[in-house]
Amino acid sequence: MTYKPHRLLAAVLGSACLLALTACRGKGEGGGSTVSPGEAVSSPSGTQGDGTQTPANAVNPLTGVADIAPGASTRPIALMVENSSTARPQYGLDKADLFLEAETEGGITRIMAVFAGASRVPEKIGPLRSARSPFVTVAQSLDAIYGHAGGSPLGLANIQNFGLDDVNFLSNASQAGWRDPDLLAQRGSEHSLLSGGEKLASFIGGQGYADSSSHPAPFRFDSPKAGGGPGSKVQLSFSGLQRVCFLYDESTKLYNKMNGTLDNMEPHVMMDAAQIAVTNVIIMYDEKYNEDADHINFRLNAGEGVFLTAGTSRDIRWTRTAESLTFTEQDGTALSVNPGKTYICLVTQGNRVATVLQ
């Protein structure tokens, strides 16, 4: 098959409508159902050997997949994971239900890994790094418990200003995480901090944080549709230093994340060789600015974007408030995505044209 390059331009700015997800909320286990895009997701109850009914799993509000243990909480957990070349390969990042990647400073990016409940966090994730303002802002919209190791001045201030429930791994390293001796020896102290679901859940429980949220989930999963544009391959730029690609695999119905350009890329894999693979990709365009001499921030009010799913693409809009992060079609109707994980790329307006190949 011969691929032809296209340029994908976002739609004009407009008002966006808030959307809400009517899904059961619960605390999940590490695994999840495998579904094809557009497939209805359900988890029927069963009968045990003694004749008692096994309650059905609840729907994961971040993925639309019924993989949440009955009666458990899905208060989002958002963890800051380092993404410099020194930090890769990482531990457990691929297990996140939702990803947000954005530039922080010096052209490098960080990734906020969001899990639908602490019990969905794998037994080992990291390296964990410090808070940055754009991620703190989105964590507020998701009502997530925010995990970080220190932070930039404004990032730390906004954790307090927004009233976020947080876990600071610098001041609570032994209670909520640990320094991995191998990473400490090979990469140095700043690249060695890890955590895991069991330890994190124990620490959060001791803090008395709420285990439920009234904030709507960022997506709907009813009646998703394919886009009219090309979307089998996409290359985008966070900065001159960090470029990424997503390649659609028809056999798995997933986008495999790659670091680099289409001409020179490598899979984004973990320490166990698992690759980041997602059902949906969203590119959010926004205005970038320097919040101080060292750190990047974004306006994060409203803007345009691109949605990729099932090898197709289309232009969308997004809106963020303190209570929600929502996505709509160009006409303002709520965006429905295919059940599965979603990778959000927050990209400056200056890099708003993404290269997409059919």
Foldseek 3Di string as FASTA:
>chain_A
DDKDKDKDFFDDDDDFDDDFAPWDFFAFAQDFDADAFPDQAWFCWDADPVGDIRHGATAQQLFRHRGGHPPHFQQKAKFKAFDDPLLPPWPQLLSAQEKEWADKFPQGIIIIGIHRHLNNWAAKGHPGAAFGPAVLQVCLQSLHAYEHAHYDPVRVVVCVVSVHNYHHCNVCVVQFWHFDVVCCVVRNRRNGIIGGSVSNVVVVVVVVDDRYDPFGRAAYAPPADFADAFAQKWWFGNGPVWIKMWHADLVSQKTFIWTDDPVDTDFNAHPVRHGRIKFKEKEFEFAWDAPDPTTIDTPQAKGKIKIHGSRHIDIWIWGTDSRHTYIGRPVNHGHHTTRIGYYYYYHYPVGSIMIGID
